[in-house]
PDB file of N, CA and C in Angstrom:
ATOM      1  N   MET A   1       9.346  -1.363  17.306  1.00  0.00           N
ATOM      2  CA  MET A   1       7.650   0.041  17.397  1.00  0.00           C
ATOM      3  C   MET A   1       6.803  -0.432  18.720  1.00  0.00           C
ATOM      4  N   SER A   2       7.286   1.113  18.886  1.00  0.00           N
ATOM      5  CA  SER A   2       6.806   1.541  20.228  1.00  0.00           C
ATOM      6  C   SER A   2       5.297   0.192  21.132  1.00  0.00           C
ATOM      7  N   GLU A   3       6.007   0.248  21.991  1.00  0.00           N
ATOM      8  CA  GLU A   3       5.136  -1.075  22.672  1.00  0.00           C
ATOM      9  C   GLU A   3       4.071   0.067  23.633  1.00  0.00           C
ATOM     10  N   ARG A   4       2.958   0.749  23.524  1.00  0.00           N
ATOM     11  CA  ARG A   4       2.043   1.484  24.432  1.00  0.00           C
ATOM     12  C   ARG A   4       0.489   0.841  24.493  1.00  0.00           C
ATOM     13  N   ASP A   5      -0.049   1.812  25.471  1.00  0.00           N
ATOM     14  CA  ASP A   5      -1.638   1.410  24.720  1.00  0.00           C
ATOM     15  C   ASP A   5      -2.546   2.434  23.651  1.00  0.00           C
ATOM     16  N   VAL A   6      -3.092   1.598  22.711  1.00  0.00           N
ATOM     17  CA  VAL A   6      -3.674   2.636  22.035  1.00  0.00           C
ATOM     18  C   VAL A   6      -5.033   2.676  22.379  1.00  0.00           C
ATOM     19  N   PHE A   7      -5.972   3.974  22.277  1.00  0.00           N
ATOM     20  CA  PHE A   7      -7.205   3.836  22.536  1.00  0.00           C
ATOM     21  C   PHE A   7      -8.221   4.423  21.492  1.00  0.00           C
ATOM     22  N   LEU A   8      -9.058   3.219  21.266  1.00  0.00           N
ATOM     23  CA  LEU A   8      -9.719   3.891  20.301  1.00  0.00           C
ATOM     24  C   LEU A   8     -11.379   3.014  20.404  1.00  0.00           C
ATOM     25  N   THR A   9     -12.044   4.389  19.443  1.00  0.00           N
ATOM     26  CA  THR A   9     -13.601   4.679  19.737  1.00  0.00           C
ATOM     27  C   THR A   9     -13.731   2.955  18.551  1.00  0.00           C
ATOM     28  N   GLU A  10     -15.417   2.993  18.985  1.00  0.00           N
ATOM     29  CA  GLU A  10     -15.732   1.351  18.142  1.00  0.00           C
ATOM     30  C   GLU A  10     -16.044   2.400  16.675  1.00  0.00           C
ATOM     31  N   ASP A  11     -16.308   3.889  16.425  1.00  0.00           N
ATOM     32  CA  ASP A  11     -16.377   4.367  15.118  1.00  0.00           C
ATOM     33  C   ASP A  11     -14.667   4.121  14.547  1.00  0.00           C
ATOM     34  N   GLY A  12     -13.400   4.534  15.471  1.00  0.00           N
ATOM     35  CA  GLY A  12     -12.589   4.771  15.113  1.00  0.00           C
ATOM     36  C   GLY A  12     -11.807   3.610  14.011  1.00  0.00           C
ATOM     37  N   LEU A  13     -12.433   2.226  15.492  1.00  0.00           N
ATOM     38  CA  LEU A  13     -11.510   0.884  14.760  1.00  0.00           C
ATOM     39  C   LEU A  13     -12.097   0.340  13.398  1.00  0.00           C
ATOM     40  N   LYS A  14     -13.319   0.597  13.273  1.00  0.00           N
ATOM     41  CA  LYS A  14     -13.767   0.121  12.259  1.00  0.00           C
ATOM     42  C   LYS A  14     -14.108   1.215  10.893  1.00  0.00           C
ATOM     43  N   LYS A  15     -13.438   2.358  11.351  1.00  0.00           N
ATOM     44  CA  LYS A  15     -12.533   2.866  10.374  1.00  0.00           C
ATOM     45  C   LYS A  15     -11.104   2.652   9.716  1.00  0.00           C
ATOM     46  N   LEU A  16     -10.111   2.223  10.854  1.00  0.00           N
ATOM     47  CA  LEU A  16      -9.264   1.448  10.790  1.00  0.00           C
ATOM     48  C   LEU A  16      -9.164   0.282  10.088  1.00  0.00           C
ATOM     49  N   GLU A  17     -10.116  -0.232  10.339  1.00  0.00           N
ATOM     50  CA  GLU A  17     -10.182  -1.996   9.459  1.00  0.00           C
ATOM     51  C   GLU A  17     -10.977  -1.661   7.868  1.00  0.00           C
ATOM     52  N   SER A  18     -11.584  -0.327   7.950  1.00  0.00           N
ATOM     53  CA  SER A  18     -12.527  -0.132   6.374  1.00  0.00           C
ATOM     54  C   SER A  18     -10.539   0.028   5.256  1.00  0.00           C
ATOM     55  N   GLU A  19      -9.641   1.101   6.348  1.00  0.00           N
ATOM     56  CA  GLU A  19      -8.165   1.564   5.205  1.00  0.00           C
ATOM     57  C   GLU A  19      -7.964   0.095   5.239  1.00  0.00           C
ATOM     58  N   LEU A  20      -7.439  -0.638   6.223  1.00  0.00           N
ATOM     59  CA  LEU A  20      -6.995  -1.657   5.400  1.00  0.00           C
ATOM     60  C   LEU A  20      -6.684  -2.552   5.029  1.00  0.00           C
ATOM     61  N   ASP A  21      -7.996  -2.832   5.381  1.00  0.00           N
ATOM     62  CA  ASP A  21      -8.945  -4.140   3.572  1.00  0.00           C
ATOM     63  C   ASP A  21      -8.612  -3.160   2.403  1.00  0.00           C
ATOM     64  N   GLU A  22      -8.696  -1.606   1.821  1.00  0.00           N
ATOM     65  CA  GLU A  22      -8.736  -1.442   0.804  1.00  0.00           C
ATOM     66  C   GLU A  22      -7.075  -1.367   0.320  1.00  0.00           C
ATOM     67  N   LEU A  23      -6.548  -0.981   0.929  1.00  0.00           N
ATOM     68  CA  LEU A  23      -4.757  -1.050   0.918  1.00  0.00           C
ATOM     69  C   LEU A  23      -4.404  -2.539   0.277  1.00  0.00           C
ATOM     70  N   LYS A  24      -5.473  -3.789   1.356  1.00  0.00           N
ATOM     71  CA  LYS A  24      -5.106  -4.487   1.077  1.00  0.00           C
ATOM     72  C   LYS A  24      -5.680  -5.767  -0.734  1.00  0.00           C
ATOM     73  N   THR A  25      -6.587  -4.573  -0.377  1.00  0.00           N
ATOM     74  CA  THR A  25      -7.735  -5.605  -1.951  1.00  0.00           C
ATOM     75  C   THR A  25      -6.945  -3.979  -3.176  1.00  0.00           C
ATOM     76  N   VAL A  26      -7.814  -3.153  -3.143  1.00  0.00           N
ATOM     77  CA  VAL A  26      -7.688  -1.865  -3.992  1.00  0.00           C
ATOM     78  C   VAL A  26      -6.405  -1.840  -4.304  1.00  0.00           C
ATOM     79  N   ARG A  27      -5.494  -1.365  -3.556  1.00  0.00           N
ATOM     80  CA  ARG A  27      -4.432  -0.297  -3.284  1.00  0.00           C
ATOM     81  C   ARG A  27      -2.995  -1.431  -3.830  1.00  0.00           C
ATOM     82  N   ARG A  28      -3.750  -2.178  -3.588  1.00  0.00           N
ATOM     83  CA  ARG A  28      -2.767  -3.911  -4.054  1.00  0.00           C
ATOM     84  C   ARG A  28      -1.727  -4.078  -5.085  1.00  0.00           C
ATOM     85  N   LYS A  29      -3.976  -4.817  -5.629  1.00  0.00           N
ATOM     86  CA  LYS A  29      -4.258  -4.629  -7.241  1.00  0.00           C
ATOM     87  C   LYS A  29      -3.190  -3.150  -7.685  1.00  0.00           C
ATOM     88  N   GLU A  30      -3.250  -1.812  -7.945  1.00  0.00           N
ATOM     89  CA  GLU A  30      -2.900  -0.845  -8.782  1.00  0.00           C
ATOM     90  C   GLU A  30      -1.538  -1.120  -8.549  1.00  0.00           C
ATOM     91  N   ILE A  31      -0.668  -0.800  -6.917  1.00  0.00           N
ATOM     92  CA  ILE A  31       0.753  -0.955  -7.039  1.00  0.00           C
ATOM     93  C   ILE A  31       1.588  -2.321  -7.907  1.00  0.00           C
ATOM     94  N   ALA A  32       1.092  -3.250  -7.727  1.00  0.00           N
ATOM     95  CA  ALA A  32       1.099  -3.916  -8.384  1.00  0.00           C
ATOM     96  C   ALA A  32       1.336  -4.228  -9.989  1.00  0.00           C
ATOM     97  N   GLU A  33       0.022  -3.511  -9.873  1.00  0.00           N
ATOM     98  CA  GLU A  33       0.002  -3.039 -11.732  1.00  0.00           C
ATOM     99  C   GLU A  33       0.996  -2.397 -12.070  1.00  0.00           C
ATOM    100  N   ARG A  34       1.053  -0.874 -10.559  1.00  0.00           N
ATOM    101  CA  ARG A  34       1.815   0.016 -11.453  1.00  0.00           C
ATOM    102  C   ARG A  34       3.409  -0.773 -11.572  1.00  0.00           C
ATOM    103  N   ILE A  35       4.364  -1.995 -10.665  1.00  0.00           N
ATOM    104  CA  ILE A  35       5.238  -2.343 -10.946  1.00  0.00           C
ATOM    105  C   ILE A  35       5.536  -3.218 -12.286  1.00  0.00           C
ATOM    106  N   LYS A  36       4.100  -4.569 -12.754  1.00  0.00           N
ATOM    107  CA  LYS A  36       4.307  -4.924 -13.792  1.00  0.00           C
ATOM    108  C   LYS A  36       4.832  -4.171 -15.023  1.00  0.00           C
ATOM    109  N   GLN A  37       4.214  -2.904 -14.781  1.00  0.00           N
ATOM    110  CA  GLN A  37       4.271  -1.350 -16.116  1.00  0.00           C
ATOM    111  C   GLN A  37       6.120  -1.136 -16.255  1.00  0.00           C
ATOM    112  N   ALA A  38       6.461  -0.964 -14.525  1.00  0.00           N
ATOM    113  CA  ALA A  38       7.646  -0.396 -14.551  1.00  0.00           C
ATOM    114  C   ALA A  38       8.450  -1.392 -15.505  1.00  0.00           C
ATOM    115  N   LEU A  39       8.373  -2.962 -14.622  1.00  0.00           N
ATOM    116  CA  LEU A  39       9.120  -3.855 -15.187  1.00  0.00           C
ATOM    117  C   LEU A  39       9.794  -4.090 -16.650  1.00  0.00           C
ATOM    118  N   SER A  40       8.243  -3.532 -16.994  1.00  0.00           N
ATOM    119  CA  SER A  40       7.505  -4.276 -18.299  1.00  0.00           C
ATOM    120  C   SER A  40       9.335  -3.971 -19.896  1.00  0.00           C
ATOM    121  N   PHE A  41       9.337  -2.188 -18.865  1.00  0.00           N
ATOM    122  CA  PHE A  41      10.364  -0.813 -19.321  1.00  0.00           C
ATOM    123  C   PHE A  41      11.944  -1.204 -19.325  1.00  0.00           C
ATOM    124  N   GLY A  42      12.062  -2.784 -19.156  1.00  0.00           N
ATOM    125  CA  GLY A  42      13.499  -3.255 -18.812  1.00  0.00           C
ATOM    126  C   GLY A  42      14.408  -3.505 -17.049  1.00  0.00           C
ATOM    127  N   ASP A  43      15.378  -2.543 -17.129  1.00  0.00           N
ATOM    128  CA  ASP A  43      16.198  -3.071 -16.271  1.00  0.00           C
ATOM    129  C   ASP A  43      15.393  -1.664 -15.569  1.00  0.00           C
ATOM    130  N   ILE A  44      15.383  -1.976 -14.776  1.00  0.00           N
ATOM    131  CA  ILE A  44      15.308  -1.607 -13.645  1.00  0.00           C
ATOM    132  C   ILE A  44      16.165  -0.594 -12.183  1.00  0.00           C
ATOM    133  N   SER A  45      17.106  -0.680 -13.048  1.00  0.00           N
ATOM    134  CA  SER A  45      18.726   0.110 -11.932  1.00  0.00           C
ATOM    135  C   SER A  45      18.166   1.719 -11.995  1.00  0.00           C
ATOM    136  N   GLU A  46      17.879   1.878 -12.857  1.00  0.00           N
ATOM    137  CA  GLU A  46      17.668   3.658 -13.693  1.00  0.00           C
ATOM    138  C   GLU A  46      16.278   3.507 -13.728  1.00  0.00           C
ATOM    139  N   ASN A  47      15.439   2.740 -13.632  1.00  0.00           N
ATOM    140  CA  ASN A  47      13.600   2.950 -13.285  1.00  0.00           C
ATOM    141  C   ASN A  47      12.835   4.078 -12.757  1.00  0.00           C
ATOM    142  N   SER A  48      12.517   5.301 -13.773  1.00  0.00           N
ATOM    143  CA  SER A  48      11.907   5.913 -12.558  1.00  0.00           C
ATOM    144  C   SER A  48      10.822   5.781 -12.172  1.00  0.00           C
ATOM    145  N   GLU A  49       9.276   4.893 -12.056  1.00  0.00           N
ATOM    146  CA  GLU A  49       8.831   3.782 -12.641  1.00  0.00           C
ATOM    147  C   GLU A  49       8.572   3.384 -11.739  1.00  0.00           C
ATOM    148  N   TYR A  50       9.492   2.530 -12.013  1.00  0.00           N
ATOM    149  CA  TYR A  50       9.296   1.443 -10.962  1.00  0.00           C
ATOM    150  C   TYR A  50       9.857   2.627  -9.454  1.00  0.00           C
ATOM    151  N   ASP A  51       9.941   2.677  -9.175  1.00  0.00           N
ATOM    152  CA  ASP A  51      10.602   3.831  -8.099  1.00  0.00           C
ATOM    153  C   ASP A  51       9.666   4.235  -7.553  1.00  0.00           C
ATOM    154  N   GLN A  52       8.951   4.262  -8.048  1.00  0.00           N
ATOM    155  CA  GLN A  52       7.607   5.879  -7.596  1.00  0.00           C
ATOM    156  C   GLN A  52       6.184   4.719  -7.449  1.00  0.00           C
ATOM    157  N   ALA A  53       6.027   3.453  -8.055  1.00  0.00           N
ATOM    158  CA  ALA A  53       5.805   2.463  -7.804  1.00  0.00           C
ATOM    159  C   ALA A  53       5.355   1.409  -7.001  1.00  0.00           C
TER     160      ALA A  53
END
């Protein structure tokens, strides 16, 4: 990853923190559920649902 300075406004930082929080809570649960459902279909080597999750 590139090591360069990134300048953010206070509002920009809050927006990024909010987005990260949503990804770590809401979206993670949704994706885990999709993976669980895909795994229930059996062999994942040719499982398009698993690939999409």
